Amino acid sequence: MRAFVEAVFEGEDLPVTGADGRAATEIALAAYRSIETGTSVALLHEE
């Protein structure tokens, strides 16, 4: 949180992007889906 606030106040780039957050969420959801189904879950790689 501190890095976010400092970046905003100092006008710097954020250390973590929205795309980073989305990727982390997709990984977590895939892990849950894999646990529920007992199978592997493919992740789509986007840049």
C-alpha atoms as a PDB file:
ATOM      1  CA  MET A   1       0.000   0.000   0.000  1.00  0.00           C
ATOM      2  CA  ARG A   2       2.847   2.340   0.839  1.00  0.00           C
ATOM      3  CA  ALA A   3       4.422   1.900  -2.603  1.00  0.00           C
ATOM      4  CA  PHE A   4       1.089   2.724  -4.240  1.00  0.00           C
ATOM      5  CA  VAL A   5       0.599   5.901  -2.199  1.00  0.00           C
ATOM      6  CA  GLU A   6       4.174   7.046  -2.785  1.00  0.00           C
ATOM      7  CA  ALA A   7       3.899   6.430  -6.532  1.00  0.00           C
ATOM      8  CA  VAL A   8       0.671   8.432  -6.721  1.00  0.00           C
ATOM      9  CA  PHE A   9       2.001  11.370  -4.704  1.00  0.00           C
ATOM     10  CA  GLU A  10       5.352  11.421  -6.519  1.00  0.00           C
ATOM     11  CA  GLY A  11       3.824  10.946  -9.984  1.00  0.00           C
ATOM     12  CA  GLU A  12       5.755   7.738 -10.627  1.00  0.00           C
ATOM     13  CA  ASP A  13       4.660   4.544 -12.334  1.00  0.00           C
ATOM     14  CA  LEU A  14       2.832   2.109 -10.095  1.00  0.00           C
ATOM     15  CA  PRO A  15       4.929  -0.897  -9.035  1.00  0.00           C
ATOM     16  CA  VAL A  16       2.074  -3.287  -9.871  1.00  0.00           C
ATOM     17  CA  THR A  17      -0.254  -2.836 -12.817  1.00  0.00           C
ATOM     18  CA  GLY A  18      -3.888  -3.714 -13.276  1.00  0.00           C
ATOM     19  CA  ALA A  19      -2.745  -6.462 -15.643  1.00  0.00           C
ATOM     20  CA  ASP A  20      -0.617  -7.916 -12.818  1.00  0.00           C
ATOM     21  CA  GLY A  21      -3.650  -7.948 -10.544  1.00  0.00           C
ATOM     22  CA  ARG A  22      -5.814  -9.550 -13.189  1.00  0.00           C
ATOM     23  CA  ALA A  23      -3.232 -12.276 -13.824  1.00  0.00           C
ATOM     24  CA  ALA A  24      -2.972 -13.054 -10.109  1.00  0.00           C
ATOM     25  CA  THR A  25      -6.764 -13.278  -9.851  1.00  0.00           C
ATOM     26  CA  GLU A  26      -6.985 -15.596 -12.860  1.00  0.00           C
ATOM     27  CA  ILE A  27      -4.321 -17.869 -11.344  1.00  0.00           C
ATOM     28  CA  ALA A  28      -6.154 -18.011  -8.017  1.00  0.00           C
ATOM     29  CA  LEU A  29      -9.484 -18.781  -9.704  1.00  0.00           C
ATOM     30  CA  ALA A  30      -7.867 -21.488 -11.812  1.00  0.00           C
ATOM     31  CA  ALA A  31      -6.393 -23.038  -8.668  1.00  0.00           C
ATOM     32  CA  TYR A  32      -9.826 -23.119  -7.032  1.00  0.00           C
ATOM     33  CA  ARG A  33     -11.356 -24.634 -10.183  1.00  0.00           C
ATOM     34  CA  SER A  34      -8.624 -27.278 -10.274  1.00  0.00           C
ATOM     35  CA  ILE A  35      -9.255 -28.186  -6.637  1.00  0.00           C
ATOM     36  CA  GLU A  36     -13.004 -28.427  -7.231  1.00  0.00           C
ATOM     37  CA  THR A  37     -12.727 -30.552 -10.370  1.00  0.00           C
ATOM     38  CA  GLY A  38      -9.564 -32.502  -9.594  1.00  0.00           C
ATOM     39  CA  THR A  39      -8.199 -31.683 -13.034  1.00  0.00           C
ATOM     40  CA  SER A  40      -5.596 -29.368 -14.515  1.00  0.00           C
ATOM     41  CA  VAL A  41      -6.800 -25.955 -15.638  1.00  0.00           C
ATOM     42  CA  ALA A  42      -5.185 -24.209 -18.606  1.00  0.00           C
ATOM     43  CA  LEU A  43      -4.363 -20.521 -18.326  1.00  0.00           C
ATOM     44  CA  LEU A  44      -4.451 -18.222 -21.348  1.00  0.00           C
ATOM     45  CA  HIS A  45      -1.325 -16.136 -21.765  1.00  0.00           C
ATOM     46  CA  GLU A  46      -2.002 -12.577 -22.909  1.00  0.00           C
ATOM     47  CA  GLU A  47       0.409  -9.681 -23.244  1.00  0.00           C
END
